[in-house]
C-alpha cells in the first residue's frame, strides 16, 4: 500500500499493485486497473518512488535485483 493525499488534504492508501498509470495534467492523476481515478497532491516522481519502494517491500523488485547480481551486472 502507498499513502497519498487528495487535493482536499485527506490522506488515504492505495494498493500499488492495482495502479495502471500515473499522469500529471499538471495535477497528479492515478488510474487503477478498474478505471477509477484519483487526483492527488504528491508529484508524479514521488508516487513513482513510493510504488517502487512498495514493490521492494513485497519483494517484487528484490528478485530482479538478485538476478542481476548473479549475472554480474
N, C-alpha and C. Protein backbone atom coordinates (compact mmCIF):
# COMPACT_ATOMS: atom_id res chain seq x y z
N UNK A 1 0.84 -1.18 0.00
CA UNK A 1 0.00 0.00 0.00
C UNK A 1 0.88 1.24 0.00
N UNK A 2 0.43 2.26 -0.71
CA UNK A 2 1.10 3.56 -0.66
C UNK A 2 0.09 4.57 -0.12
N UNK A 3 0.58 5.57 0.57
CA UNK A 3 -0.28 6.62 1.11
C UNK A 3 -0.14 7.86 0.26
N UNK A 4 -1.26 8.40 -0.17
CA UNK A 4 -1.30 9.62 -0.97
C UNK A 4 -2.33 10.56 -0.37
N UNK A 5 -2.36 11.79 -0.85
CA UNK A 5 -3.23 12.82 -0.28
C UNK A 5 -4.14 13.42 -1.35
N UNK A 6 -5.43 13.42 -1.09
CA UNK A 6 -6.37 14.07 -2.01
C UNK A 6 -6.11 15.57 -2.01
N UNK A 7 -6.63 16.27 -2.99
CA UNK A 7 -6.44 17.72 -3.07
C UNK A 7 -7.07 18.43 -1.87
N UNK A 8 -8.08 17.82 -1.22
CA UNK A 8 -8.71 18.43 -0.05
C UNK A 8 -7.92 18.19 1.23
N UNK A 9 -6.77 17.49 1.15
CA UNK A 9 -5.91 17.28 2.30
C UNK A 9 -6.10 15.95 3.03
N UNK A 10 -7.05 15.14 2.61
CA UNK A 10 -7.28 13.86 3.28
C UNK A 10 -6.37 12.78 2.71
N UNK A 11 -5.62 12.14 3.60
CA UNK A 11 -4.71 11.07 3.18
C UNK A 11 -5.48 9.75 3.09
N UNK A 12 -5.07 8.91 2.16
CA UNK A 12 -5.64 7.57 2.04
C UNK A 12 -4.60 6.65 1.43
N UNK A 13 -4.86 5.36 1.51
CA UNK A 13 -3.91 4.37 1.00
C UNK A 13 -4.47 3.67 -0.23
N UNK A 14 -3.57 3.36 -1.15
CA UNK A 14 -3.92 2.61 -2.36
C UNK A 14 -3.03 1.38 -2.44
N UNK A 15 -3.58 0.29 -2.93
CA UNK A 15 -2.76 -0.89 -3.20
C UNK A 15 -2.06 -0.64 -4.53
N UNK A 16 -0.75 -0.47 -4.48
CA UNK A 16 0.02 -0.10 -5.66
C UNK A 16 -0.02 -1.16 -6.76
N UNK A 17 -0.37 -2.38 -6.43
CA UNK A 17 -0.45 -3.43 -7.44
C UNK A 17 -1.54 -3.11 -8.46
N UNK A 18 -2.56 -2.39 -8.05
CA UNK A 18 -3.68 -2.07 -8.94
C UNK A 18 -3.50 -0.76 -9.70
N UNK A 19 -2.37 -0.10 -9.57
CA UNK A 19 -2.14 1.15 -10.28
C UNK A 19 -1.72 0.84 -11.72
N UNK A 20 -2.48 1.38 -12.66
CA UNK A 20 -2.18 1.17 -14.08
C UNK A 20 -1.34 2.31 -14.64
N UNK A 21 -1.74 3.56 -14.35
CA UNK A 21 -0.98 4.71 -14.84
C UNK A 21 -0.92 5.80 -13.79
N UNK A 22 0.15 6.60 -13.90
CA UNK A 22 0.31 7.81 -13.10
C UNK A 22 0.64 8.91 -14.10
N UNK A 23 -0.19 9.95 -14.12
CA UNK A 23 -0.01 11.04 -15.08
C UNK A 23 -0.06 12.38 -14.37
N UNK A 24 0.52 13.39 -15.00
CA UNK A 24 0.46 14.76 -14.49
C UNK A 24 -0.22 15.64 -15.52
N UNK A 25 -1.30 16.35 -15.09
CA UNK A 25 -2.09 17.17 -16.03
C UNK A 25 -2.18 18.65 -15.71
N UNK A 26 -1.67 19.38 -14.86
CA UNK A 26 -0.46 19.19 -14.07
C UNK A 26 -0.68 18.47 -12.76
N UNK A 27 -1.96 18.34 -12.29
CA UNK A 27 -2.17 17.57 -11.06
C UNK A 27 -1.87 16.10 -11.33
N UNK A 28 -1.35 15.41 -10.33
CA UNK A 28 -1.02 14.01 -10.49
C UNK A 28 -2.31 13.19 -10.41
N UNK A 29 -2.55 12.40 -11.44
CA UNK A 29 -3.74 11.56 -11.52
C UNK A 29 -3.31 10.10 -11.58
N UNK A 30 -3.84 9.31 -10.66
CA UNK A 30 -3.55 7.88 -10.60
C UNK A 30 -4.77 7.14 -11.12
N UNK A 31 -4.57 6.26 -12.11
CA UNK A 31 -5.64 5.45 -12.65
C UNK A 31 -5.40 4.00 -12.25
N UNK A 32 -6.42 3.38 -11.68
CA UNK A 32 -6.32 1.97 -11.29
C UNK A 32 -6.76 1.07 -12.43
N UNK A 33 -6.48 -0.20 -12.31
CA UNK A 33 -6.82 -1.16 -13.36
C UNK A 33 -8.33 -1.27 -13.56
N UNK A 34 -9.13 -0.89 -12.57
CA UNK A 34 -10.59 -0.93 -12.72
C UNK A 34 -11.14 0.37 -13.33
N UNK A 35 -10.26 1.31 -13.69
CA UNK A 35 -10.68 2.56 -14.32
C UNK A 35 -10.90 3.71 -13.36
N UNK A 36 -10.92 3.44 -12.07
CA UNK A 36 -11.12 4.51 -11.07
C UNK A 36 -9.91 5.43 -11.07
N UNK A 37 -10.16 6.74 -10.97
CA UNK A 37 -9.08 7.74 -11.00
C UNK A 37 -9.06 8.52 -9.70
N UNK A 38 -7.84 8.85 -9.27
CA UNK A 38 -7.63 9.66 -8.08
C UNK A 38 -6.68 10.80 -8.43
N UNK A 39 -7.05 12.03 -8.05
CA UNK A 39 -6.18 13.18 -8.22
C UNK A 39 -5.55 13.43 -6.85
N UNK A 40 -4.21 13.48 -6.81
CA UNK A 40 -3.50 13.58 -5.54
C UNK A 40 -2.52 14.74 -5.54
N UNK A 41 -2.11 15.15 -4.33
CA UNK A 41 -1.18 16.27 -4.16
C UNK A 41 0.27 15.90 -4.49
N UNK A 42 0.63 14.64 -4.28
CA UNK A 42 2.02 14.21 -4.49
C UNK A 42 2.41 14.35 -5.96
N UNK A 43 3.70 14.59 -6.18
CA UNK A 43 4.20 14.70 -7.54
C UNK A 43 4.26 13.33 -8.20
N UNK A 44 4.34 13.33 -9.51
CA UNK A 44 4.49 12.09 -10.26
C UNK A 44 5.72 11.32 -9.78
N UNK A 45 6.83 12.03 -9.59
CA UNK A 45 8.07 11.38 -9.14
C UNK A 45 7.92 10.77 -7.75
N UNK A 46 7.21 11.45 -6.85
CA UNK A 46 7.01 10.92 -5.50
C UNK A 46 6.15 9.66 -5.53
N UNK A 47 5.09 9.67 -6.32
CA UNK A 47 4.23 8.49 -6.43
C UNK A 47 5.02 7.32 -7.02
N UNK A 48 5.80 7.58 -8.06
CA UNK A 48 6.62 6.52 -8.68
C UNK A 48 7.62 5.96 -7.67
N UNK A 49 8.23 6.82 -6.89
CA UNK A 49 9.17 6.38 -5.87
C UNK A 49 8.48 5.53 -4.81
N UNK A 50 7.29 5.94 -4.39
CA UNK A 50 6.52 5.19 -3.39
C UNK A 50 6.12 3.81 -3.93
N UNK A 51 5.75 3.75 -5.21
CA UNK A 51 5.40 2.47 -5.82
C UNK A 51 6.61 1.55 -5.85
N UNK A 52 7.76 2.09 -6.26
CA UNK A 52 8.98 1.28 -6.29
C UNK A 52 9.34 0.77 -4.90
N UNK A 53 9.22 1.62 -3.89
CA UNK A 53 9.51 1.20 -2.51
C UNK A 53 8.53 0.11 -2.06
N UNK A 54 7.26 0.24 -2.44
CA UNK A 54 6.27 -0.78 -2.11
C UNK A 54 6.63 -2.11 -2.75
N UNK A 55 6.97 -2.08 -4.03
CA UNK A 55 7.35 -3.32 -4.73
C UNK A 55 8.57 -3.95 -4.09
N UNK A 56 9.51 -3.14 -3.65
CA UNK A 56 10.70 -3.68 -2.97
C UNK A 56 10.33 -4.33 -1.65
N UNK A 57 9.42 -3.69 -0.89
CA UNK A 57 9.00 -4.24 0.40
C UNK A 57 8.32 -5.60 0.26
N UNK A 58 7.59 -5.80 -0.83
CA UNK A 58 6.91 -7.08 -1.01
C UNK A 58 7.72 -8.02 -1.90
N UNK A 59 8.96 -7.66 -2.15
CA UNK A 59 9.93 -8.49 -2.88
C UNK A 59 9.61 -8.71 -4.35
N UNK A 60 8.88 -7.79 -4.97
CA UNK A 60 8.67 -7.88 -6.41
C UNK A 60 9.90 -7.37 -7.16
N UNK A 61 10.60 -6.39 -6.59
CA UNK A 61 11.80 -5.87 -7.23
C UNK A 61 13.06 -6.56 -6.71
N UNK A 62 12.99 -7.12 -5.53
CA UNK A 62 14.15 -7.78 -4.95
C UNK A 62 14.66 -8.93 -5.79
N UNK A 63 13.77 -9.69 -6.40
CA UNK A 63 14.16 -10.81 -7.24
C UNK A 63 14.92 -10.35 -8.46
N UNK A 64 14.46 -9.29 -9.09
CA UNK A 64 15.13 -8.77 -10.27
C UNK A 64 16.54 -8.33 -9.91
N UNK A 65 16.68 -7.62 -8.80
CA UNK A 65 17.99 -7.16 -8.36
C UNK A 65 18.90 -8.35 -8.08
N UNK A 66 18.39 -9.38 -7.41
CA UNK A 66 19.19 -10.56 -7.09
C UNK A 66 19.62 -11.26 -8.38
N UNK A 67 18.74 -11.36 -9.36
CA UNK A 67 19.09 -11.99 -10.64
C UNK A 67 20.16 -11.18 -11.37
N UNK A 68 20.06 -9.84 -11.32
CA UNK A 68 21.07 -9.00 -11.95
C UNK A 68 22.43 -9.20 -11.28
N UNK A 69 22.45 -9.31 -9.96
CA UNK A 69 23.69 -9.52 -9.23
C UNK A 69 24.33 -10.85 -9.61
N UNK A 70 23.52 -11.87 -9.80
CA UNK A 70 24.05 -13.18 -10.18
C UNK A 70 24.63 -13.16 -11.59
N UNK A 71 24.03 -12.35 -12.47
CA UNK A 71 24.50 -12.26 -13.85
C UNK A 71 25.74 -11.40 -13.96
N UNK A 72 26.11 -10.73 -12.89
CA UNK A 72 27.31 -9.90 -12.89
C UNK A 72 27.09 -8.49 -13.41
N UNK A 73 25.85 -8.06 -13.49
CA UNK A 73 25.56 -6.70 -13.99
C UNK A 73 25.51 -5.72 -12.86
